[in-house]
Amino acid sequence: MSRFGSGRDRAMDGLHSTGSDLDRKFWVALALYGVLAVLVWFTIGEGRFLVYGRAVDIRLAPLVVIGGLALRTVLARQAERIRRRVDRGASDVGGNSPPGS
């Protein structure tokens, strides 16, 4: 096998993470969003800009973007949990339930 094929195989294995691995990645991502929000808050100076004729604190703009990314991360985790639950339920419906259940 070429060295490109083995790298592609490793990349594909990374796409199919286990539930506990995804939970760990989720909490790390949320912690990093929090750290980034704190850095934004203390780094960006005081100031205001107009949005639809109303003065808005300049710190809020990047915090809204970070909040949107955090929301997207939470929704993606919930969607993955639902997909896994549906996949698990679909395999049980087909008569493939483990012995003793």
Protein backbone atom coordinates (compact mmCIF):
# COMPACT_ATOMS: atom_id res chain seq x y z
CA MET A 1 0.00 0.00 0.00
CA SER A 2 1.25 3.46 -0.79
CA ARG A 3 1.91 5.90 1.98
CA PHE A 4 -0.98 8.05 0.72
CA GLY A 5 -3.46 5.22 1.23
CA SER A 6 -2.46 4.68 4.84
CA GLY A 7 -2.88 8.39 5.62
CA ARG A 8 -6.31 8.38 4.02
CA ASP A 9 -7.28 5.33 6.09
CA ARG A 10 -6.17 7.08 9.29
CA ALA A 11 -8.16 10.16 8.30
CA MET A 12 -11.27 8.06 7.71
CA ASP A 13 -10.83 6.35 11.08
CA GLY A 14 -10.80 9.79 12.71
CA LEU A 15 -14.20 10.57 11.19
CA HIS A 16 -15.84 7.67 13.02
CA SER A 17 -15.23 8.53 16.65
CA THR A 18 -16.77 6.67 19.53
CA GLY A 19 -19.34 8.28 21.80
CA SER A 20 -16.93 8.88 24.68
CA ASP A 21 -14.35 10.37 22.31
CA LEU A 22 -16.97 12.77 20.92
CA ASP A 23 -18.02 13.77 24.44
CA ARG A 24 -14.42 14.57 25.32
CA LYS A 25 -14.01 16.63 22.16
CA PHE A 26 -17.28 18.43 22.89
CA TRP A 27 -16.20 19.53 26.37
CA VAL A 28 -12.77 20.57 25.11
CA ALA A 29 -14.39 22.65 22.35
CA LEU A 30 -16.73 24.39 24.79
CA ALA A 31 -13.84 25.12 27.15
CA LEU A 32 -11.84 26.61 24.28
CA TYR A 33 -14.82 28.75 23.23
CA GLY A 34 -14.96 30.01 26.82
CA VAL A 35 -11.24 30.81 26.85
CA LEU A 36 -11.58 32.59 23.51
CA ALA A 37 -14.53 34.62 24.82
CA VAL A 38 -12.55 35.68 27.90
CA LEU A 39 -9.59 36.68 25.71
CA VAL A 40 -11.88 38.71 23.46
CA TRP A 41 -13.46 40.44 26.44
CA PHE A 42 -10.14 41.52 27.92
CA THR A 43 -8.34 42.22 24.63
CA ILE A 44 -10.83 44.35 22.73
CA GLY A 45 -11.00 47.86 24.09
CA GLU A 46 -13.97 49.92 25.08
CA GLY A 47 -15.84 51.30 22.14
CA ARG A 48 -19.18 51.43 20.44
CA PHE A 49 -20.52 51.19 16.91
CA LEU A 50 -23.95 51.74 15.43
CA VAL A 51 -26.26 48.88 14.50
CA TYR A 52 -29.58 50.04 13.05
CA GLY A 53 -29.03 53.43 14.68
CA ARG A 54 -28.34 51.98 18.13
CA ALA A 55 -24.94 52.07 19.86
CA VAL A 56 -23.60 48.57 20.61
CA ASP A 57 -20.51 47.70 22.64
CA ILE A 58 -17.75 46.58 20.27
CA ARG A 59 -16.93 43.57 22.47
CA LEU A 60 -20.32 42.05 21.74
CA ALA A 61 -19.71 41.47 18.02
CA PRO A 62 -17.06 38.74 18.38
CA LEU A 63 -18.87 37.30 21.41
CA VAL A 64 -21.99 36.83 19.29
CA VAL A 65 -19.92 34.97 16.67
CA ILE A 66 -18.29 32.76 19.33
CA GLY A 67 -21.72 32.13 20.86
CA GLY A 68 -23.04 31.08 17.46
CA LEU A 69 -20.17 28.63 17.03
CA ALA A 70 -20.79 27.21 20.51
CA LEU A 71 -24.50 26.81 19.69
CA ARG A 72 -23.60 25.03 16.47
CA THR A 73 -21.32 22.68 18.41
CA VAL A 74 -24.08 21.87 20.92
CA LEU A 75 -26.59 21.22 18.13
CA ALA A 76 -24.14 18.99 16.26
CA ARG A 77 -23.57 16.93 19.41
CA GLN A 78 -27.31 16.53 19.95
CA ALA A 79 -27.80 15.52 16.30
CA GLU A 80 -25.05 12.91 16.60
CA ARG A 81 -26.66 11.50 19.76
CA ILE A 82 -29.99 11.22 17.97
CA ARG A 83 -28.38 9.55 14.95
CA ARG A 84 -26.62 7.01 17.17
CA ARG A 85 -29.86 6.29 19.05
CA VAL A 86 -31.77 5.80 15.79
CA ASP A 87 -29.02 3.57 14.35
CA ARG A 88 -28.99 1.48 17.52
CA GLY A 89 -32.79 1.18 17.43
CA ALA A 90 -32.80 0.25 13.72
CA SER A 91 -30.35 -2.61 14.31
CA ASP A 92 -32.55 -3.97 17.12
CA VAL A 93 -35.69 -3.88 14.95
CA GLY A 94 -34.14 -6.12 12.32
CA GLY A 95 -33.84 -9.01 14.73
CA ASN A 96 -30.15 -8.44 15.33
CA SER A 97 -30.49 -8.01 19.07
CA PRO A 98 -27.73 -9.57 21.15
CA PRO A 99 -28.41 -12.97 22.75
CA GLY A 100 -29.89 -12.85 26.22
CA SER A 101 -31.81 -9.61 25.75
